[in-house]
Amino acid sequence: MVLDDDCDDTLIIQETIKEISTKYRVSCLQKGQLVIQTLDNLSDSKLPSLLILDYNLPVVTGFELLTEI
């Protein structure tokens, strides 16, 4: 799961992960609160293996989100 408010960065991350392997599904969100809601609604077996968080986000920063989860 990628949290970044810059669409270009998100696209680069998605393409890089797909280049490594096509078996990974990449979810991209632009707001920290959406990440919290999404994670809360997922079962343990569906939780992402990796979170890539933008540190400098408006409202909820990547660091604040990491502290909350």
PDB file of N, CA and C in Angstrom:
ATOM      1  N   MET A   1       0.858  -1.167   0.000  1.00  0.00           N
ATOM      2  CA  MET A   1       0.000   0.000   0.000  1.00  0.00           C
ATOM      3  C   MET A   1       0.906   1.233   0.000  1.00  0.00           C
ATOM      4  N   VAL A   2       0.583   2.170  -0.869  1.00  0.00           N
ATOM      5  CA  VAL A   2       1.357   3.400  -1.005  1.00  0.00           C
ATOM      6  C   VAL A   2       0.489   4.585  -0.582  1.00  0.00           C
ATOM      7  N   LEU A   3       1.041   5.419   0.280  1.00  0.00           N
ATOM      8  CA  LEU A   3       0.371   6.660   0.668  1.00  0.00           C
ATOM      9  C   LEU A   3       1.248   7.809   0.204  1.00  0.00           C
ATOM     10  N   ASP A   4       0.763   8.540  -0.776  1.00  0.00           N
ATOM     11  CA  ASP A   4       1.515   9.673  -1.305  1.00  0.00           C
ATOM     12  C   ASP A   4       0.539  10.613  -1.998  1.00  0.00           C
ATOM     13  N   ASP A   5       0.715  11.909  -1.792  1.00  0.00           N
ATOM     14  CA  ASP A   5      -0.185  12.880  -2.423  1.00  0.00           C
ATOM     15  C   ASP A   5       0.341  13.355  -3.779  1.00  0.00           C
ATOM     16  N   ASP A   6       1.498  12.841  -4.192  1.00  0.00           N
ATOM     17  CA  ASP A   6       2.072  13.194  -5.496  1.00  0.00           C
ATOM     18  C   ASP A   6       1.832  12.040  -6.468  1.00  0.00           C
ATOM     19  N   CYS A   7       1.005  12.277  -7.460  1.00  0.00           N
ATOM     20  CA  CYS A   7       0.636  11.226  -8.418  1.00  0.00           C
ATOM     21  C   CYS A   7       1.842  10.694  -9.182  1.00  0.00           C
ATOM     22  N   ASP A   8       2.805  11.549  -9.489  1.00  0.00           N
ATOM     23  CA  ASP A   8       4.003  11.096 -10.201  1.00  0.00           C
ATOM     24  C   ASP A   8       4.804  10.108  -9.357  1.00  0.00           C
ATOM     25  N   ASP A   9       4.982  10.420  -8.077  1.00  0.00           N
ATOM     26  CA  ASP A   9       5.702   9.505  -7.182  1.00  0.00           C
ATOM     27  C   ASP A   9       4.975   8.173  -7.066  1.00  0.00           C
ATOM     28  N   THR A  10       3.671   8.238  -6.939  1.00  0.00           N
ATOM     29  CA  THR A  10       2.870   7.024  -6.829  1.00  0.00           C
ATOM     30  C   THR A  10       3.022   6.155  -8.071  1.00  0.00           C
ATOM     31  N   LEU A  11       2.994   6.779  -9.230  1.00  0.00           N
ATOM     32  CA  LEU A  11       3.137   6.048 -10.482  1.00  0.00           C
ATOM     33  C   LEU A  11       4.511   5.379 -10.575  1.00  0.00           C
ATOM     34  N   ILE A  12       5.553   6.086 -10.191  1.00  0.00           N
ATOM     35  CA  ILE A  12       6.912   5.527 -10.216  1.00  0.00           C
ATOM     36  C   ILE A  12       7.006   4.322  -9.286  1.00  0.00           C
ATOM     37  N   ILE A  13       6.452   4.436  -8.093  1.00  0.00           N
ATOM     38  CA  ILE A  13       6.484   3.331  -7.129  1.00  0.00           C
ATOM     39  C   ILE A  13       5.716   2.134  -7.681  1.00  0.00           C
ATOM     40  N   GLN A  14       4.524   2.368  -8.228  1.00  0.00           N
ATOM     41  CA  GLN A  14       3.721   1.281  -8.801  1.00  0.00           C
ATOM     42  C   GLN A  14       4.472   0.563  -9.918  1.00  0.00           C
ATOM     43  N   GLU A  15       5.035   1.327 -10.833  1.00  0.00           N
ATOM     44  CA  GLU A  15       5.744   0.732 -11.965  1.00  0.00           C
ATOM     45  C   GLU A  15       6.976  -0.040 -11.512  1.00  0.00           C
ATOM     46  N   THR A  16       7.675   0.474 -10.521  1.00  0.00           N
ATOM     47  CA  THR A  16       8.862  -0.205 -10.004  1.00  0.00           C
ATOM     48  C   THR A  16       8.494  -1.540  -9.370  1.00  0.00           C
ATOM     49  N   ILE A  17       7.444  -1.553  -8.584  1.00  0.00           N
ATOM     50  CA  ILE A  17       7.014  -2.805  -7.939  1.00  0.00           C
ATOM     51  C   ILE A  17       6.553  -3.809  -8.988  1.00  0.00           C
ATOM     52  N   LYS A  18       5.808  -3.364  -9.984  1.00  0.00           N
ATOM     53  CA  LYS A  18       5.350  -4.274 -11.045  1.00  0.00           C
ATOM     54  C   LYS A  18       6.513  -4.814 -11.868  1.00  0.00           C
ATOM     55  N   GLU A  19       7.571  -4.011 -11.998  1.00  0.00           N
ATOM     56  CA  GLU A  19       8.756  -4.458 -12.713  1.00  0.00           C
ATOM     57  C   GLU A  19       9.457  -5.588 -11.947  1.00  0.00           C
ATOM     58  N   ILE A  20       9.430  -5.508 -10.635  1.00  0.00           N
ATOM     59  CA  ILE A  20      10.043  -6.537  -9.798  1.00  0.00           C
ATOM     60  C   ILE A  20       9.250  -7.832  -9.892  1.00  0.00           C
ATOM     61  N   SER A  21       7.937  -7.708  -9.775  1.00  0.00           N
ATOM     62  CA  SER A  21       7.082  -8.890  -9.863  1.00  0.00           C
ATOM     63  C   SER A  21       5.642  -8.470 -10.116  1.00  0.00           C
ATOM     64  N   THR A  22       4.973  -9.215 -10.978  1.00  0.00           N
ATOM     65  CA  THR A  22       3.569  -8.911 -11.276  1.00  0.00           C
ATOM     66  C   THR A  22       2.621  -9.579 -10.287  1.00  0.00           C
ATOM     67  N   LYS A  23       3.141 -10.354  -9.352  1.00  0.00           N
ATOM     68  CA  LYS A  23       2.262 -11.023  -8.394  1.00  0.00           C
ATOM     69  C   LYS A  23       1.801 -10.095  -7.268  1.00  0.00           C
ATOM     70  N   TYR A  24       2.410  -8.912  -7.176  1.00  0.00           N
ATOM     71  CA  TYR A  24       2.029  -7.974  -6.123  1.00  0.00           C
ATOM     72  C   TYR A  24       0.949  -7.028  -6.609  1.00  0.00           C
ATOM     73  N   ARG A  25      -0.022  -6.764  -5.738  1.00  0.00           N
ATOM     74  CA  ARG A  25      -1.071  -5.788  -6.023  1.00  0.00           C
ATOM     75  C   ARG A  25      -0.742  -4.526  -5.244  1.00  0.00           C
ATOM     76  N   VAL A  26      -0.740  -3.403  -5.901  1.00  0.00           N
ATOM     77  CA  VAL A  26      -0.372  -2.147  -5.262  1.00  0.00           C
ATOM     78  C   VAL A  26      -1.619  -1.271  -5.129  1.00  0.00           C
ATOM     79  N   SER A  27      -1.925  -0.886  -3.901  1.00  0.00           N
ATOM     80  CA  SER A  27      -3.026   0.047  -3.638  1.00  0.00           C
ATOM     81  C   SER A  27      -2.417   1.403  -3.327  1.00  0.00           C
ATOM     82  N   CYS A  28      -2.952   2.439  -3.932  1.00  0.00           N
ATOM     83  CA  CYS A  28      -2.434   3.784  -3.708  1.00  0.00           C
ATOM     84  C   CYS A  28      -3.527   4.688  -3.159  1.00  0.00           C
ATOM     85  N   LEU A  29      -3.184   5.384  -2.099  1.00  0.00           N
ATOM     86  CA  LEU A  29      -4.110   6.333  -1.481  1.00  0.00           C
ATOM     87  C   LEU A  29      -3.389   7.664  -1.294  1.00  0.00           C
ATOM     88  N   GLN A  30      -4.157   8.752  -1.241  1.00  0.00           N
ATOM     89  CA  GLN A  30      -3.554  10.071  -1.139  1.00  0.00           C
ATOM     90  C   GLN A  30      -3.763  10.747   0.216  1.00  0.00           C
ATOM     91  N   LYS A  31      -4.562  10.157   1.070  1.00  0.00           N
ATOM     92  CA  LYS A  31      -4.834  10.774   2.374  1.00  0.00           C
ATOM     93  C   LYS A  31      -4.631   9.754   3.486  1.00  0.00           C
ATOM     94  N   GLY A  32      -3.942  10.190   4.539  1.00  0.00           N
ATOM     95  CA  GLY A  32      -3.650   9.302   5.658  1.00  0.00           C
ATOM     96  C   GLY A  32      -4.892   8.717   6.302  1.00  0.00           C
ATOM     97  N   GLN A  33      -5.941   9.507   6.417  1.00  0.00           N
ATOM     98  CA  GLN A  33      -7.170   9.022   7.045  1.00  0.00           C
ATOM     99  C   GLN A  33      -7.774   7.870   6.249  1.00  0.00           C
ATOM    100  N   LEU A  34      -7.633   7.902   4.929  1.00  0.00           N
ATOM    101  CA  LEU A  34      -8.136   6.807   4.094  1.00  0.00           C
ATOM    102  C   LEU A  34      -7.359   5.517   4.350  1.00  0.00           C
ATOM    103  N   VAL A  35      -6.074   5.640   4.623  1.00  0.00           N
ATOM    104  CA  VAL A  35      -5.267   4.457   4.937  1.00  0.00           C
ATOM    105  C   VAL A  35      -5.771   3.822   6.227  1.00  0.00           C
ATOM    106  N   ILE A  36      -6.011   4.639   7.230  1.00  0.00           N
ATOM    107  CA  ILE A  36      -6.510   4.132   8.516  1.00  0.00           C
ATOM    108  C   ILE A  36      -7.847   3.424   8.325  1.00  0.00           C
ATOM    109  N   GLN A  37      -8.764   4.052   7.610  1.00  0.00           N
ATOM    110  CA  GLN A  37     -10.076   3.447   7.364  1.00  0.00           C
ATOM    111  C   GLN A  37      -9.946   2.147   6.579  1.00  0.00           C
ATOM    112  N   THR A  38      -9.089   2.148   5.565  1.00  0.00           N
ATOM    113  CA  THR A  38      -8.904   0.951   4.740  1.00  0.00           C
ATOM    114  C   THR A  38      -8.325  -0.188   5.567  1.00  0.00           C
ATOM    115  N   LEU A  39      -7.295   0.093   6.352  1.00  0.00           N
ATOM    116  CA  LEU A  39      -6.681  -0.955   7.174  1.00  0.00           C
ATOM    117  C   LEU A  39      -7.662  -1.490   8.209  1.00  0.00           C
ATOM    118  N   ASP A  40      -8.466  -0.613   8.784  1.00  0.00           N
ATOM    119  CA  ASP A  40      -9.458  -1.037   9.778  1.00  0.00           C
ATOM    120  C   ASP A  40     -10.495  -1.987   9.178  1.00  0.00           C
ATOM    121  N   ASN A  41     -10.779  -1.834   7.887  1.00  0.00           N
ATOM    122  CA  ASN A  41     -11.803  -2.647   7.235  1.00  0.00           C
ATOM    123  C   ASN A  41     -11.277  -3.938   6.613  1.00  0.00           C
ATOM    124  N   LEU A  42      -9.972  -4.146   6.654  1.00  0.00           N
ATOM    125  CA  LEU A  42      -9.391  -5.350   6.064  1.00  0.00           C
ATOM    126  C   LEU A  42      -9.245  -6.455   7.107  1.00  0.00           C
ATOM    127  N   SER A  43      -9.461  -7.679   6.687  1.00  0.00           N
ATOM    128  CA  SER A  43      -9.201  -8.812   7.579  1.00  0.00           C
ATOM    129  C   SER A  43      -7.685  -8.996   7.680  1.00  0.00           C
ATOM    130  N   ASP A  44      -7.245  -9.716   8.701  1.00  0.00           N
ATOM    131  CA  ASP A  44      -5.814  -9.925   8.903  1.00  0.00           C
ATOM    132  C   ASP A  44      -5.141 -10.532   7.679  1.00  0.00           C
ATOM    133  N   SER A  45      -5.826 -11.425   7.012  1.00  0.00           N
ATOM    134  CA  SER A  45      -5.238 -12.086   5.840  1.00  0.00           C
ATOM    135  C   SER A  45      -5.123 -11.159   4.635  1.00  0.00           C
ATOM    136  N   LYS A  46      -5.834 -10.047   4.654  1.00  0.00           N
ATOM    137  CA  LYS A  46      -5.814  -9.104   3.531  1.00  0.00           C
ATOM    138  C   LYS A  46      -4.948  -7.867   3.790  1.00  0.00           C
ATOM    139  N   LEU A  47      -4.359  -7.777   4.990  1.00  0.00           N
ATOM    140  CA  LEU A  47      -3.524  -6.620   5.306  1.00  0.00           C
ATOM    141  C   LEU A  47      -2.307  -6.579   4.385  1.00  0.00           C
ATOM    142  N   PRO A  48      -1.861  -5.380   4.021  1.00  0.00           N
ATOM    143  CA  PRO A  48      -0.714  -5.282   3.118  1.00  0.00           C
ATOM    144  C   PRO A  48       0.571  -5.771   3.777  1.00  0.00           C
ATOM    145  N   SER A  49       1.458  -6.293   2.961  1.00  0.00           N
ATOM    146  CA  SER A  49       2.763  -6.753   3.441  1.00  0.00           C
ATOM    147  C   SER A  49       3.728  -5.592   3.599  1.00  0.00           C
ATOM    148  N   LEU A  50       3.458  -4.507   2.901  1.00  0.00           N
ATOM    149  CA  LEU A  50       4.358  -3.360   2.891  1.00  0.00           C
ATOM    150  C   LEU A  50       3.547  -2.074   2.831  1.00  0.00           C
ATOM    151  N   LEU A  51       3.934  -1.088   3.638  1.00  0.00           N
ATOM    152  CA  LEU A  51       3.348   0.248   3.578  1.00  0.00           C
ATOM    153  C   LEU A  51       4.456   1.222   3.206  1.00  0.00           C
ATOM    154  N   ILE A  52       4.234   2.005   2.166  1.00  0.00           N
ATOM    155  CA  ILE A  52       5.169   3.056   1.787  1.00  0.00           C
ATOM    156  C   ILE A  52       4.451   4.365   2.064  1.00  0.00           C
ATOM    157  N   LEU A  53       4.996   5.134   3.012  1.00  0.00           N
ATOM    158  CA  LEU A  53       4.316   6.337   3.486  1.00  0.00           C
ATOM    159  C   LEU A  53       5.113   7.589   3.157  1.00  0.00           C
ATOM    160  N   ASP A  54       4.452   8.570   2.585  1.00  0.00           N
ATOM    161  CA  ASP A  54       5.042   9.891   2.371  1.00  0.00           C
ATOM    162  C   ASP A  54       5.099  10.584   3.725  1.00  0.00           C
ATOM    163  N   TYR A  55       6.268  11.067   4.100  1.00  0.00           N
ATOM    164  CA  TYR A  55       6.424  11.708   5.402  1.00  0.00           C
ATOM    165  C   TYR A  55       5.719  13.058   5.456  1.00  0.00           C
ATOM    166  N   ASN A  56       5.761  13.817   4.371  1.00  0.00           N
ATOM    167  CA  ASN A  56       5.219  15.177   4.345  1.00  0.00           C
ATOM    168  C   ASN A  56       3.863  15.226   3.658  1.00  0.00           C
ATOM    169  N   LEU A  57       2.835  14.926   4.412  1.00  0.00           N
ATOM    170  CA  LEU A  57       1.467  15.003   3.905  1.00  0.00           C
ATOM    171  C   LEU A  57       0.685  16.035   4.703  1.00  0.00           C
ATOM    172  N   PRO A  58      -0.291  16.674   4.068  1.00  0.00           N
ATOM    173  CA  PRO A  58      -1.157  17.563   4.844  1.00  0.00           C
ATOM    174  C   PRO A  58      -2.097  16.753   5.740  1.00  0.00           C
ATOM    175  N   VAL A  59      -2.572  17.342   6.772  1.00  0.00           N
ATOM    176  CA  VAL A  59      -3.522  16.784   7.736  1.00  0.00           C
ATOM    177  C   VAL A  59      -2.869  15.671   8.565  1.00  0.00           C
ATOM    178  N   VAL A  60      -2.776  14.461   8.051  1.00  0.00           N
ATOM    179  CA  VAL A  60      -2.139  13.344   8.771  1.00  0.00           C
ATOM    180  C   VAL A  60      -0.849  12.994   8.030  1.00  0.00           C
ATOM    181  N   THR A  61       0.309  13.245   8.661  1.00  0.00           N
ATOM    182  CA  THR A  61       1.591  12.950   8.021  1.00  0.00           C
ATOM    183  C   THR A  61       1.873  11.449   8.055  1.00  0.00           C
ATOM    184  N   GLY A  62       2.831  11.030   7.270  1.00  0.00           N
ATOM    185  CA  GLY A  62       3.230   9.625   7.275  1.00  0.00           C
ATOM    186  C   GLY A  62       3.688   9.177   8.645  1.00  0.00           C
ATOM    187  N   PHE A  63       4.407  10.043   9.355  1.00  0.00           N
ATOM    188  CA  PHE A  63       4.875   9.696  10.708  1.00  0.00           C
ATOM    189  C   PHE A  63       3.694   9.549  11.674  1.00  0.00           C
ATOM    190  N   GLU A  64       2.742  10.467  11.612  1.00  0.00           N
ATOM    191  CA  GLU A  64       1.570  10.369  12.488  1.00  0.00           C
ATOM    192  C   GLU A  64       0.774   9.096  12.205  1.00  0.00           C
ATOM    193  N   LEU A  65       0.671   8.777  10.935  1.00  0.00           N
ATOM    194  CA  LEU A  65      -0.039   7.553  10.554  1.00  0.00           C
ATOM    195  C   LEU A  65       0.684   6.322  11.095  1.00  0.00           C
ATOM    196  N   LEU A  66       1.994   6.303  10.953  1.00  0.00           N
ATOM    197  CA  LEU A  66       2.776   5.176  11.461  1.00  0.00           C
ATOM    198  C   LEU A  66       2.628   5.042  12.965  1.00  0.00           C
ATOM    199  N   THR A  67       2.606   6.151  13.664  1.00  0.00           N
ATOM    200  CA  THR A  67       2.405   6.128  15.109  1.00  0.00           C
ATOM    201  C   THR A  67       1.031   5.587  15.472  1.00  0.00           C
ATOM    202  N   GLU A  68       0.034   5.929  14.672  1.00  0.00           N
ATOM    203  CA  GLU A  68      -1.338   5.485  14.959  1.00  0.00           C
ATOM    204  C   GLU A  68      -1.543   3.989  14.705  1.00  0.00           C
ATOM    205  N   ILE A  69      -0.889   3.463  13.660  1.00  0.00           N
ATOM    206  CA  ILE A  69      -1.055   2.037  13.391  1.00  0.00           C
ATOM    207  C   ILE A  69      -0.060   1.247  14.193  1.00  0.00           C
TER     208      ILE A  69
END
